[in-house]
Amino acid sequence: MTLYVVTGGAGFIGSHLTRALARRGDQVRVVDDLSSGQLENLAELQVGAPGSGSTVELHRADVLDEGLLRAALRGARGVFHEAAQVSVPASIRDPVLSYRINVMGTLGVLEAARAEGVRKVVFAASSAAYGDDPTLPKVETMAPSPLSPYASGKLAGEALLSVWGRAYGLETVALRYFNVYGPGQSDSSPYSGVIALFARAVLGRRAPTIFGDGEQSRDFVFVGDVVQANLLAMERTLERGIVLNVGTGKRVTINELYARLALLAGFPEPPAYAPARIGDVPHSLASIERARERLGFEPQVSLEAGLEQTLAWYRGRS
């Protein structure tokens, strides 16, 4: 039984990753302060307290707490660092808090990993690092151009991983997630993922709001495929500090996305529109050639199938 740590393991992506590790027989320590993560995301697992010997242990801790973080990482083979403040608008409203969590938190994870002899850290980076460069698809060798404190903080995390890899020999991988969606994504905040917000609206027979004209496009990747990319990144031998896109290589406009969801939900009403939000990029599309070559990564879930699974999950909650 191999021990892994998942920071943010009670959150959306982190909980899916925790379940995948537990299903294959690994031991998992979840580090989460539950400020945004929820215990219900781990409800199907037998979660124990630290030192309980449970397959999944919950270490209720902030990634800025050095002592608790080191204790959680002790004896682990690898860390999946998912803990973050993930809202672009929230980062613009309070950039200092965003940097504390996303930059200093990542630094704390790297230092704890180094101190405890952890072999590898896989980091949840972001496609927001590409900014509004109109070039498509986005390739890892492009110059970054972050537009928000959130994006720049994630980019700073990539730089830290590269330095800790070169200076200290820690194996590090940064996965630039594109627009991740799927069952379990929060729909309780106006800053939640657009698919979660659309799903909540159409199932509640309400027209959602689209910011901008709806012709902005995104590369939506199903959470199960993101989990697979993480597992591959942990197992493969890679250059320290390597950056890899995690998407599908396909994009869809927000208007088309809404039309598909509304059709699946049997909701005929058109959406409302509001002015575009500061920091939102117009178009995003991943090149996943590097991930295919270095990880053997290949998305398995089509947008149609992913939307159906996501709607089914939200229906089950209502």
C-alpha atoms as a PDB file:
ATOM      1  CA  MET A   1       0.000   0.000   0.000  1.00  0.00           C
ATOM      2  CA  THR A   2       1.528   3.300  -1.137  1.00  0.00           C
ATOM      3  CA  LEU A   3       0.883   6.509   0.794  1.00  0.00           C
ATOM      4  CA  TYR A   4      -0.058   9.707  -1.019  1.00  0.00           C
ATOM      5  CA  VAL A   5      -1.154  13.127   0.214  1.00  0.00           C
ATOM      6  CA  VAL A   6      -3.865  15.135  -1.531  1.00  0.00           C
ATOM      7  CA  THR A   7      -4.039  18.776  -0.458  1.00  0.00           C
ATOM      8  CA  GLY A   8      -7.519  20.140  -1.041  1.00  0.00           C
ATOM      9  CA  GLY A   9      -8.666  16.538  -1.008  1.00  0.00           C
ATOM     10  CA  ALA A  10     -12.189  17.405   0.132  1.00  0.00           C
ATOM     11  CA  GLY A  11     -12.644  19.775  -2.805  1.00  0.00           C
ATOM     12  CA  PHE A  12     -13.995  19.081  -6.273  1.00  0.00           C
ATOM     13  CA  ILE A  13     -10.964  17.668  -8.105  1.00  0.00           C
ATOM     14  CA  GLY A  14      -9.173  16.587  -4.943  1.00  0.00           C
ATOM     15  CA  SER A  15     -12.050  14.376  -3.783  1.00  0.00           C
ATOM     16  CA  HIS A  16     -12.232  12.627  -7.151  1.00  0.00           C
ATOM     17  CA  LEU A  17      -8.483  12.038  -6.955  1.00  0.00           C
ATOM     18  CA  THR A  18      -8.757  10.749  -3.385  1.00  0.00           C
ATOM     19  CA  ARG A  19     -11.444   8.249  -4.403  1.00  0.00           C
ATOM     20  CA  ALA A  20      -9.378   7.053  -7.375  1.00  0.00           C
ATOM     21  CA  LEU A  21      -6.326   6.445  -5.182  1.00  0.00           C
ATOM     22  CA  ALA A  22      -8.371   4.645  -2.509  1.00  0.00           C
ATOM     23  CA  ARG A  23     -10.079   2.458  -5.132  1.00  0.00           C
ATOM     24  CA  ARG A  24      -6.773   1.198  -6.435  1.00  0.00           C
ATOM     25  CA  GLY A  25      -5.599   0.304  -2.933  1.00  0.00           C
ATOM     26  CA  ASP A  26      -3.427   3.266  -1.962  1.00  0.00           C
ATOM     27  CA  GLN A  27      -3.468   4.982   1.410  1.00  0.00           C
ATOM     28  CA  VAL A  28      -4.429   8.663   1.258  1.00  0.00           C
ATOM     29  CA  ARG A  29      -3.982  11.563   3.638  1.00  0.00           C
ATOM     30  CA  VAL A  30      -6.300  14.411   2.793  1.00  0.00           C
ATOM     31  CA  VAL A  31      -5.054  17.843   3.870  1.00  0.00           C
ATOM     32  CA  ASP A  32      -7.958  20.280   3.830  1.00  0.00           C
ATOM     33  CA  ASP A  33      -9.100  23.073   6.132  1.00  0.00           C
ATOM     34  CA  LEU A  34     -12.675  22.653   4.804  1.00  0.00           C
ATOM     35  CA  SER A  35     -12.903  26.373   4.007  1.00  0.00           C
ATOM     36  CA  SER A  36     -14.248  25.424   0.590  1.00  0.00           C
ATOM     37  CA  GLY A  37     -13.939  21.635   0.524  1.00  0.00           C
ATOM     38  CA  GLN A  38     -16.758  19.562   1.995  1.00  0.00           C
ATOM     39  CA  LEU A  39     -16.770  16.322   3.939  1.00  0.00           C
ATOM     40  CA  GLU A  40     -19.774  15.161   1.912  1.00  0.00           C
ATOM     41  CA  ASN A  41     -17.434  14.908  -1.090  1.00  0.00           C
ATOM     42  CA  LEU A  42     -15.749  12.021   0.748  1.00  0.00           C
ATOM     43  CA  ALA A  43     -18.942  10.526   2.172  1.00  0.00           C
ATOM     44  CA  GLU A  44     -18.622   7.197   0.364  1.00  0.00           C
ATOM     45  CA  LEU A  45     -15.163   6.602   1.866  1.00  0.00           C
ATOM     46  CA  GLN A  46     -14.290   5.442   5.360  1.00  0.00           C
ATOM     47  CA  VAL A  47     -12.446   8.570   6.467  1.00  0.00           C
ATOM     48  CA  GLY A  48     -10.524   8.396   9.714  1.00  0.00           C
ATOM     49  CA  ALA A  49      -8.631  10.817  11.917  1.00  0.00           C
ATOM     50  CA  PRO A  50      -4.839  11.237  11.666  1.00  0.00           C
ATOM     51  CA  GLY A  51      -3.084   8.137  12.970  1.00  0.00           C
ATOM     52  CA  SER A  52      -6.221   6.010  12.790  1.00  0.00           C
ATOM     53  CA  GLY A  53      -4.757   3.703  10.157  1.00  0.00           C
ATOM     54  CA  SER A  54      -7.754   4.261   7.895  1.00  0.00           C
ATOM     55  CA  THR A  55      -7.226   4.001   4.152  1.00  0.00           C
ATOM     56  CA  VAL A  56      -8.214   7.667   3.965  1.00  0.00           C
ATOM     57  CA  GLU A  57      -7.255  10.039   6.783  1.00  0.00           C
ATOM     58  CA  LEU A  58      -8.424  13.623   7.051  1.00  0.00           C
ATOM     59  CA  HIS A  59      -5.819  16.073   8.326  1.00  0.00           C
ATOM     60  CA  ARG A  60      -7.829  19.227   8.924  1.00  0.00           C
ATOM     61  CA  ALA A  61      -5.101  21.754   8.270  1.00  0.00           C
ATOM     62  CA  ASP A  62      -4.252  24.862   6.297  1.00  0.00           C
ATOM     63  CA  VAL A  63      -1.387  24.428   3.812  1.00  0.00           C
ATOM     64  CA  LEU A  64       0.202  27.454   5.495  1.00  0.00           C
ATOM     65  CA  ASP A  65       0.525  25.512   8.784  1.00  0.00           C
ATOM     66  CA  GLU A  66       4.079  24.180   8.536  1.00  0.00           C
ATOM     67  CA  GLY A  67       3.919  21.773  11.455  1.00  0.00           C
ATOM     68  CA  LEU A  68       0.639  20.110  10.526  1.00  0.00           C
ATOM     69  CA  LEU A  69       1.646  19.966   6.866  1.00  0.00           C
ATOM     70  CA  ARG A  70       4.943  18.240   7.628  1.00  0.00           C
ATOM     71  CA  ALA A  71       3.184  15.712   9.840  1.00  0.00           C
ATOM     72  CA  ALA A  72       0.723  14.922   7.058  1.00  0.00           C
ATOM     73  CA  LEU A  73       3.490  14.463   4.472  1.00  0.00           C
ATOM     74  CA  ARG A  74       5.677  12.272   6.679  1.00  0.00           C
ATOM     75  CA  GLY A  75       6.260   8.920   4.981  1.00  0.00           C
ATOM     76  CA  ALA A  76       4.374   9.829   1.790  1.00  0.00           C
ATOM     77  CA  ARG A  77       5.659   8.848  -1.640  1.00  0.00           C
ATOM     78  CA  GLY A  78       4.052  11.793  -3.404  1.00  0.00           C
ATOM     79  CA  VAL A  79       1.825  14.829  -3.025  1.00  0.00           C
ATOM     80  CA  PHE A  80      -0.987  15.967  -5.289  1.00  0.00           C
ATOM     81  CA  HIS A  81      -1.258  19.687  -4.537  1.00  0.00           C
ATOM     82  CA  GLU A  82      -4.850  20.701  -5.330  1.00  0.00           C
ATOM     83  CA  ALA A  83      -5.497  23.168  -2.494  1.00  0.00           C
ATOM     84  CA  ALA A  84      -6.044  26.669  -3.849  1.00  0.00           C
ATOM     85  CA  GLN A  85      -8.212  29.743  -4.006  1.00  0.00           C
ATOM     86  CA  VAL A  86      -9.648  29.138  -7.465  1.00  0.00           C
ATOM     87  CA  SER A  87     -11.821  32.171  -8.240  1.00  0.00           C
ATOM     88  CA  VAL A  88     -10.550  34.822 -10.665  1.00  0.00           C
ATOM     89  CA  PRO A  89     -13.038  37.478  -9.444  1.00  0.00           C
ATOM     90  CA  ALA A  90     -12.248  36.709  -5.800  1.00  0.00           C
ATOM     91  CA  SER A  91      -8.525  37.077  -6.524  1.00  0.00           C
ATOM     92  CA  ILE A  92      -9.138  40.510  -8.047  1.00  0.00           C
ATOM     93  CA  ARG A  93     -11.184  41.524  -5.011  1.00  0.00           C
ATOM     94  CA  ASP A  94      -8.532  40.314  -2.531  1.00  0.00           C
ATOM     95  CA  PRO A  95      -5.183  39.700  -4.259  1.00  0.00           C
ATOM     96  CA  VAL A  96      -3.226  39.414  -1.022  1.00  0.00           C
ATOM     97  CA  LEU A  97      -5.341  36.508   0.213  1.00  0.00           C
ATOM     98  CA  SER A  98      -5.094  34.862  -3.206  1.00  0.00           C
ATOM     99  CA  TYR A  99      -1.300  35.089  -3.133  1.00  0.00           C
ATOM    100  CA  ARG A 100      -1.089  33.830   0.451  1.00  0.00           C
ATOM    101  CA  ILE A 101      -3.015  30.690  -0.424  1.00  0.00           C
ATOM    102  CA  ASN A 102      -1.797  30.031  -3.957  1.00  0.00           C
ATOM    103  CA  VAL A 103       1.836  31.127  -3.729  1.00  0.00           C
ATOM    104  CA  MET A 104       2.837  30.794  -0.086  1.00  0.00           C
ATOM    105  CA  GLY A 105       0.719  27.652   0.206  1.00  0.00           C
ATOM    106  CA  THR A 106       2.585  26.060  -2.702  1.00  0.00           C
ATOM    107  CA  LEU A 107       5.905  27.122  -1.205  1.00  0.00           C
ATOM    108  CA  GLY A 108       4.862  25.494   2.071  1.00  0.00           C
ATOM    109  CA  VAL A 109       3.984  22.225   0.331  1.00  0.00           C
ATOM    110  CA  LEU A 110       7.323  22.153  -1.486  1.00  0.00           C
ATOM    111  CA  GLU A 111       9.284  22.873   1.678  1.00  0.00           C
ATOM    112  CA  ALA A 112       7.375  20.245   3.657  1.00  0.00           C
ATOM    113  CA  ALA A 113       7.954  17.725   0.869  1.00  0.00           C
ATOM    114  CA  ARG A 114      11.672  18.507   0.831  1.00  0.00           C
ATOM    115  CA  ALA A 115      11.970  18.255   4.602  1.00  0.00           C
ATOM    116  CA  GLU A 116      10.089  14.945   4.781  1.00  0.00           C
ATOM    117  CA  GLY A 117      11.828  13.250   1.849  1.00  0.00           C
ATOM    118  CA  VAL A 118       8.744  13.069  -0.383  1.00  0.00           C
ATOM    119  CA  ARG A 119       9.681  11.919  -3.876  1.00  0.00           C
ATOM    120  CA  LYS A 120       7.304  13.907  -6.081  1.00  0.00           C
ATOM    121  CA  VAL A 121       4.871  16.824  -6.114  1.00  0.00           C
ATOM    122  CA  VAL A 122       2.200  17.115  -8.818  1.00  0.00           C
ATOM    123  CA  PHE A 123       0.756  20.630  -8.885  1.00  0.00           C
ATOM    124  CA  ALA A 124      -2.623  21.871 -10.099  1.00  0.00           C
ATOM    125  CA  ALA A 125      -1.559  24.752 -12.343  1.00  0.00           C
ATOM    126  CA  SER A 126      -3.914  26.689 -14.598  1.00  0.00           C
ATOM    127  CA  SER A 127      -4.454  27.527 -18.246  1.00  0.00           C
ATOM    128  CA  ALA A 128      -5.185  31.060 -16.996  1.00  0.00           C
ATOM    129  CA  ALA A 129      -1.411  31.547 -17.247  1.00  0.00           C
ATOM    130  CA  TYR A 130      -1.813  31.988 -21.023  1.00  0.00           C
ATOM    131  CA  GLY A 131      -3.974  35.076 -20.592  1.00  0.00           C
ATOM    132  CA  ASP A 132      -5.510  36.723 -23.647  1.00  0.00           C
ATOM    133  CA  ASP A 133      -2.866  35.772 -26.199  1.00  0.00           C
ATOM    134  CA  PRO A 134      -5.076  35.084 -29.255  1.00  0.00           C
ATOM    135  CA  THR A 135      -2.898  32.211 -30.484  1.00  0.00           C
ATOM    136  CA  LEU A 136      -4.725  28.873 -30.475  1.00  0.00           C
ATOM    137  CA  PRO A 137      -4.182  26.197 -29.404  1.00  0.00           C
ATOM    138  CA  LYS A 138      -2.260  27.056 -26.254  1.00  0.00           C
ATOM    139  CA  VAL A 139       1.138  25.350 -26.243  1.00  0.00           C
ATOM    140  CA  GLU A 140       3.304  25.020 -23.134  1.00  0.00           C
ATOM    141  CA  THR A 141       6.204  26.865 -24.828  1.00  0.00           C
ATOM    142  CA  MET A 142       4.129  30.049 -25.313  1.00  0.00           C
ATOM    143  CA  ALA A 143       5.084  33.090 -23.235  1.00  0.00           C
ATOM    144  CA  PRO A 144       2.642  33.372 -20.323  1.00  0.00           C
ATOM    145  CA  SER A 145       0.474  36.482 -19.983  1.00  0.00           C
ATOM    146  CA  PRO A 146      -1.634  36.224 -16.798  1.00  0.00           C
ATOM    147  CA  LEU A 147      -4.513  38.693 -16.433  1.00  0.00           C
ATOM    148  CA  SER A 148      -5.462  38.221 -12.781  1.00  0.00           C
ATOM    149  CA  PRO A 149      -3.872  37.653  -9.379  1.00  0.00           C
ATOM    150  CA  TYR A 150      -5.202  34.092  -9.546  1.00  0.00           C
ATOM    151  CA  ALA A 151      -3.443  33.435 -12.867  1.00  0.00           C
ATOM    152  CA  SER A 152      -0.183  35.061 -11.802  1.00  0.00           C
ATOM    153  CA  GLY A 153      -0.230  33.160  -8.515  1.00  0.00           C
ATOM    154  CA  LYS A 154      -0.596  29.841 -10.299  1.00  0.00           C
ATOM    155  CA  LEU A 155       2.224  30.814 -12.647  1.00  0.00           C
ATOM    156  CA  ALA A 156       4.393  31.680  -9.651  1.00  0.00           C
ATOM    157  CA  GLY A 157       3.653  28.192  -8.336  1.00  0.00           C
ATOM    158  CA  GLU A 158       5.033  26.705 -11.552  1.00  0.00           C
ATOM    159  CA  ALA A 159       8.232  28.716 -11.098  1.00  0.00           C
ATOM    160  CA  LEU A 160       8.591  27.453  -7.538  1.00  0.00           C
ATOM    161  CA  LEU A 161       8.218  23.853  -8.706  1.00  0.00           C
ATOM    162  CA  SER A 162      10.895  24.364 -11.337  1.00  0.00           C
ATOM    163  CA  VAL A 163      13.335  25.888  -8.843  1.00  0.00           C
ATOM    164  CA  TRP A 164      12.720  23.259  -6.150  1.00  0.00           C
ATOM    165  CA  GLY A 165      13.261  20.592  -8.787  1.00  0.00           C
ATOM    166  CA  ARG A 166      16.566  22.032  -9.952  1.00  0.00           C
ATOM    167  CA  ALA A 167      17.926  23.264  -6.634  1.00  0.00           C
ATOM    168  CA  TYR A 168      16.841  20.397  -4.380  1.00  0.00           C
ATOM    169  CA  GLY A 169      16.228  17.451  -6.702  1.00  0.00           C
ATOM    170  CA  LEU A 170      12.528  17.205  -5.898  1.00  0.00           C
ATOM    171  CA  GLU A 171      10.531  15.644  -8.732  1.00  0.00           C
ATOM    172  CA  THR A 172       7.893  18.187  -9.725  1.00  0.00           C
ATOM    173  CA  VAL A 173       5.185  18.356 -12.387  1.00  0.00           C
ATOM    174  CA  ALA A 174       2.790  21.230 -13.130  1.00  0.00           C
ATOM    175  CA  LEU A 175      -0.482  20.326 -14.851  1.00  0.00           C
ATOM    176  CA  ARG A 176      -2.160  23.302 -16.488  1.00  0.00           C
ATOM    177  CA  TYR A 177      -5.840  22.488 -16.147  1.00  0.00           C
ATOM    178  CA  PHE A 178      -8.227  23.930 -18.679  1.00  0.00           C
ATOM    179  CA  ASN A 179     -11.931  24.176 -17.749  1.00  0.00           C
ATOM    180  CA  VAL A 180     -12.600  21.205 -15.479  1.00  0.00           C
ATOM    181  CA  TYR A 181     -16.186  20.095 -14.869  1.00  0.00           C
ATOM    182  CA  GLY A 182     -18.137  17.101 -13.639  1.00  0.00           C
ATOM    183  CA  PRO A 183     -20.100  15.625 -10.731  1.00  0.00           C
ATOM    184  CA  GLY A 184     -19.305  17.209  -7.391  1.00  0.00           C
ATOM    185  CA  GLN A 185     -18.450  20.667  -8.667  1.00  0.00           C
ATOM    186  CA  SER A 186     -19.833  23.399  -6.425  1.00  0.00           C
ATOM    187  CA  ASP A 187     -22.834  25.291  -7.716  1.00  0.00           C
ATOM    188  CA  SER A 188     -23.289  27.385  -4.574  1.00  0.00           C
ATOM    189  CA  SER A 189     -21.274  30.443  -5.569  1.00  0.00           C
ATOM    190  CA  PRO A 190     -21.605  32.949  -8.423  1.00  0.00           C
ATOM    191  CA  TYR A 191     -17.938  32.154  -9.116  1.00  0.00           C
ATOM    192  CA  SER A 192     -18.505  28.422  -9.539  1.00  0.00           C
ATOM    193  CA  GLY A 193     -17.694  26.728 -12.837  1.00  0.00           C
ATOM    194  CA  VAL A 194     -20.017  27.720 -15.650  1.00  0.00           C
ATOM    195  CA  ILE A 195     -21.293  24.175 -16.218  1.00  0.00           C
ATOM    196  CA  ALA A 196     -22.221  23.811 -12.546  1.00  0.00           C
ATOM    197  CA  LEU A 197     -24.060  27.139 -12.628  1.00  0.00           C
ATOM    198  CA  PHE A 198     -25.841  26.283 -15.881  1.00  0.00           C
ATOM    199  CA  ALA A 199     -26.843  22.858 -14.559  1.00  0.00           C
ATOM    200  CA  ARG A 200     -28.290  24.314 -11.371  1.00  0.00           C
ATOM    201  CA  ALA A 201     -30.228  26.895 -13.374  1.00  0.00           C
ATOM    202  CA  VAL A 202     -31.758  24.654 -16.040  1.00  0.00           C
ATOM    203  CA  LEU A 203     -32.714  21.930 -13.572  1.00  0.00           C
ATOM    204  CA  GLY A 204     -34.351  24.621 -11.472  1.00  0.00           C
ATOM    205  CA  ARG A 205     -36.180  25.827 -14.603  1.00  0.00           C
ATOM    206  CA  ARG A 206     -34.407  29.194 -14.526  1.00  0.00           C
ATOM    207  CA  ALA A 207     -32.476  30.955 -17.274  1.00  0.00           C
ATOM    208  CA  PRO A 208     -28.800  31.420 -16.302  1.00  0.00           C
ATOM    209  CA  THR A 209     -26.723  34.540 -16.966  1.00  0.00           C
ATOM    210  CA  ILE A 210     -23.927  34.514 -19.530  1.00  0.00           C
ATOM    211  CA  PHE A 211     -21.244  37.163 -19.036  1.00  0.00           C
ATOM    212  CA  GLY A 212     -20.291  38.735 -22.357  1.00  0.00           C
ATOM    213  CA  ASP A 213     -21.854  37.787 -25.682  1.00  0.00           C
ATOM    214  CA  GLY A 214     -21.447  34.052 -25.170  1.00  0.00           C
ATOM    215  CA  GLU A 215     -19.131  33.646 -28.137  1.00  0.00           C
ATOM    216  CA  GLN A 216     -16.121  33.203 -25.884  1.00  0.00           C
ATOM    217  CA  SER A 217     -14.916  29.612 -26.073  1.00  0.00           C
ATOM    218  CA  ARG A 218     -13.408  27.123 -23.668  1.00  0.00           C
ATOM    219  CA  ASP A 219     -11.808  23.688 -23.633  1.00  0.00           C
ATOM    220  CA  PHE A 220     -13.927  21.754 -21.125  1.00  0.00           C
ATOM    221  CA  VAL A 221     -12.274  18.649 -19.667  1.00  0.00           C
ATOM    222  CA  PHE A 222     -14.088  16.066 -17.545  1.00  0.00           C
ATOM    223  CA  VAL A 223     -12.853  15.643 -13.979  1.00  0.00           C
ATOM    224  CA  GLY A 224     -12.228  11.914 -14.458  1.00  0.00           C
ATOM    225  CA  ASP A 225      -9.781  12.698 -17.258  1.00  0.00           C
ATOM    226  CA  VAL A 226      -8.020  15.227 -15.027  1.00  0.00           C
ATOM    227  CA  VAL A 227      -7.644  12.546 -12.354  1.00  0.00           C
ATOM    228  CA  GLN A 228      -6.106  10.215 -14.918  1.00  0.00           C
ATOM    229  CA  ALA A 229      -3.590  12.897 -15.935  1.00  0.00           C
ATOM    230  CA  ASN A 230      -2.579  13.320 -12.287  1.00  0.00           C
ATOM    231  CA  LEU A 231      -2.059   9.593 -11.756  1.00  0.00           C
ATOM    232  CA  LEU A 232       0.021   9.333 -14.920  1.00  0.00           C
ATOM    233  CA  ALA A 233       2.090  12.382 -13.915  1.00  0.00           C
ATOM    234  CA  MET A 234       2.864  10.814 -10.560  1.00  0.00           C
ATOM    235  CA  GLU A 235       3.989   7.525 -12.090  1.00  0.00           C
ATOM    236  CA  ARG A 236       5.928   8.631 -15.171  1.00  0.00           C
ATOM    237  CA  THR A 237       9.579   9.689 -15.112  1.00  0.00           C
ATOM    238  CA  LEU A 238       9.633  13.294 -16.328  1.00  0.00           C
ATOM    239  CA  GLU A 239      11.921  16.323 -16.353  1.00  0.00           C
ATOM    240  CA  ARG A 240      11.779  18.213 -13.078  1.00  0.00           C
ATOM    241  CA  GLY A 241       9.449  21.195 -13.307  1.00  0.00           C
ATOM    242  CA  ILE A 242       7.820  20.110 -16.559  1.00  0.00           C
ATOM    243  CA  VAL A 243       4.572  21.879 -17.477  1.00  0.00           C
ATOM    244  CA  LEU A 244       1.801  19.932 -19.221  1.00  0.00           C
ATOM    245  CA  ASN A 245      -1.588  21.045 -20.507  1.00  0.00           C
ATOM    246  CA  VAL A 246      -4.596  19.013 -19.395  1.00  0.00           C
ATOM    247  CA  GLY A 247      -7.562  19.556 -21.688  1.00  0.00           C
ATOM    248  CA  THR A 248      -9.249  17.853 -24.637  1.00  0.00           C
ATOM    249  CA  GLY A 249      -7.888  19.742 -27.632  1.00  0.00           C
ATOM    250  CA  LYS A 250     -11.466  20.783 -28.486  1.00  0.00           C
ATOM    251  CA  ARG A 251     -13.394  23.944 -27.683  1.00  0.00           C
ATOM    252  CA  VAL A 252     -17.009  25.047 -27.536  1.00  0.00           C
ATOM    253  CA  THR A 253     -18.600  28.495 -27.196  1.00  0.00           C
ATOM    254  CA  ILE A 254     -20.516  29.306 -24.034  1.00  0.00           C
ATOM    255  CA  ASN A 255     -23.647  29.793 -26.135  1.00  0.00           C
ATOM    256  CA  GLU A 256     -23.268  26.326 -27.640  1.00  0.00           C
ATOM    257  CA  LEU A 257     -22.536  24.836 -24.228  1.00  0.00           C
ATOM    258  CA  TYR A 258     -25.737  26.304 -22.851  1.00  0.00           C
ATOM    259  CA  ALA A 259     -27.750  25.071 -25.832  1.00  0.00           C
ATOM    260  CA  ARG A 260     -26.477  21.514 -25.271  1.00  0.00           C
ATOM    261  CA  LEU A 261     -27.211  21.560 -21.552  1.00  0.00           C
ATOM    262  CA  ALA A 262     -30.640  23.093 -22.027  1.00  0.00           C
ATOM    263  CA  LEU A 263     -31.494  20.434 -24.597  1.00  0.00           C
ATOM    264  CA  LEU A 264     -30.377  17.612 -22.287  1.00  0.00           C
ATOM    265  CA  ALA A 265     -32.424  19.120 -19.446  1.00  0.00           C
ATOM    266  CA  GLY A 266     -35.465  19.798 -21.612  1.00  0.00           C
ATOM    267  CA  PHE A 267     -35.381  23.518 -20.793  1.00  0.00           C
ATOM    268  CA  PRO A 268     -36.407  25.773 -23.714  1.00  0.00           C
ATOM    269  CA  GLU A 269     -35.689  29.251 -22.345  1.00  0.00           C
ATOM    270  CA  PRO A 270     -32.817  31.424 -23.695  1.00  0.00           C
ATOM    271  CA  PRO A 271     -30.120  32.660 -21.299  1.00  0.00           C
ATOM    272  CA  ALA A 272     -29.780  36.205 -19.962  1.00  0.00           C
ATOM    273  CA  TYR A 273     -26.682  38.249 -20.771  1.00  0.00           C
ATOM    274  CA  ALA A 274     -24.553  40.598 -18.659  1.00  0.00           C
ATOM    275  CA  PRO A 275     -21.318  42.555 -19.271  1.00  0.00           C
ATOM    276  CA  ALA A 276     -18.102  40.534 -19.518  1.00  0.00           C
ATOM    277  CA  ARG A 277     -16.126  40.120 -16.281  1.00  0.00           C
ATOM    278  CA  ILE A 278     -12.669  41.580 -15.708  1.00  0.00           C
ATOM    279  CA  GLY A 279      -9.924  38.979 -16.068  1.00  0.00           C
ATOM    280  CA  ASP A 280     -11.918  36.505 -18.188  1.00  0.00           C
ATOM    281  CA  VAL A 281     -10.096  35.460 -21.358  1.00  0.00           C
ATOM    282  CA  PRO A 282     -11.967  35.369 -24.692  1.00  0.00           C
ATOM    283  CA  HIS A 283     -10.840  31.961 -25.967  1.00  0.00           C
ATOM    284  CA  SER A 284      -9.039  28.952 -24.592  1.00  0.00           C
ATOM    285  CA  LEU A 285      -7.985  25.724 -26.294  1.00  0.00           C
ATOM    286  CA  ALA A 286      -5.338  23.258 -25.162  1.00  0.00           C
ATOM    287  CA  SER A 287      -2.700  21.590 -27.227  1.00  0.00           C
ATOM    288  CA  ILE A 288      -2.383  18.216 -25.491  1.00  0.00           C
ATOM    289  CA  GLU A 289       0.393  16.855 -27.686  1.00  0.00           C
ATOM    290  CA  ARG A 290       2.996  17.102 -24.937  1.00  0.00           C
ATOM    291  CA  ALA A 291       0.722  15.295 -22.448  1.00  0.00           C
ATOM    292  CA  ARG A 292       0.033  12.602 -25.045  1.00  0.00           C
ATOM    293  CA  GLU A 293       3.740  12.142 -25.689  1.00  0.00           C
ATOM    294  CA  ARG A 294       5.048  12.357 -22.130  1.00  0.00           C
ATOM    295  CA  LEU A 295       2.164  10.844 -20.160  1.00  0.00           C
ATOM    296  CA  GLY A 296       0.265   8.742 -22.665  1.00  0.00           C
ATOM    297  CA  PHE A 297      -2.700  10.943 -21.734  1.00  0.00           C
ATOM    298  CA  GLU A 298      -5.857  10.718 -23.826  1.00  0.00           C
ATOM    299  CA  PRO A 299      -9.222  12.174 -22.758  1.00  0.00           C
ATOM    300  CA  GLN A 300     -11.821   9.421 -22.466  1.00  0.00           C
ATOM    301  CA  VAL A 301     -15.064  11.316 -21.805  1.00  0.00           C
ATOM    302  CA  SER A 302     -16.736  13.340 -24.562  1.00  0.00           C
ATOM    303  CA  LEU A 303     -18.432  16.629 -23.732  1.00  0.00           C
ATOM    304  CA  GLU A 304     -21.863  15.121 -24.400  1.00  0.00           C
ATOM    305  CA  ALA A 305     -21.226  12.152 -22.086  1.00  0.00           C
ATOM    306  CA  GLY A 306     -19.683  14.386 -19.440  1.00  0.00           C
ATOM    307  CA  LEU A 307     -22.631  16.775 -19.473  1.00  0.00           C
ATOM    308  CA  GLU A 308     -25.046  13.857 -19.124  1.00  0.00           C
ATOM    309  CA  GLN A 309     -23.133  12.509 -16.107  1.00  0.00           C
ATOM    310  CA  THR A 310     -22.955  15.956 -14.554  1.00  0.00           C
ATOM    311  CA  LEU A 311     -26.666  16.648 -14.993  1.00  0.00           C
ATOM    312  CA  ALA A 312     -27.496  13.224 -13.565  1.00  0.00           C
ATOM    313  CA  TRP A 313     -25.454  14.022 -10.460  1.00  0.00           C
ATOM    314  CA  TYR A 314     -27.191  17.367  -9.930  1.00  0.00           C
ATOM    315  CA  ARG A 315     -30.592  15.752 -10.457  1.00  0.00           C
ATOM    316  CA  GLY A 316     -29.731  13.273  -7.725  1.00  0.00           C
ATOM    317  CA  ARG A 317     -29.092  16.119  -5.307  1.00  0.00           C
ATOM    318  CA  SER A 318     -32.365  17.919  -5.924  1.00  0.00           C
END
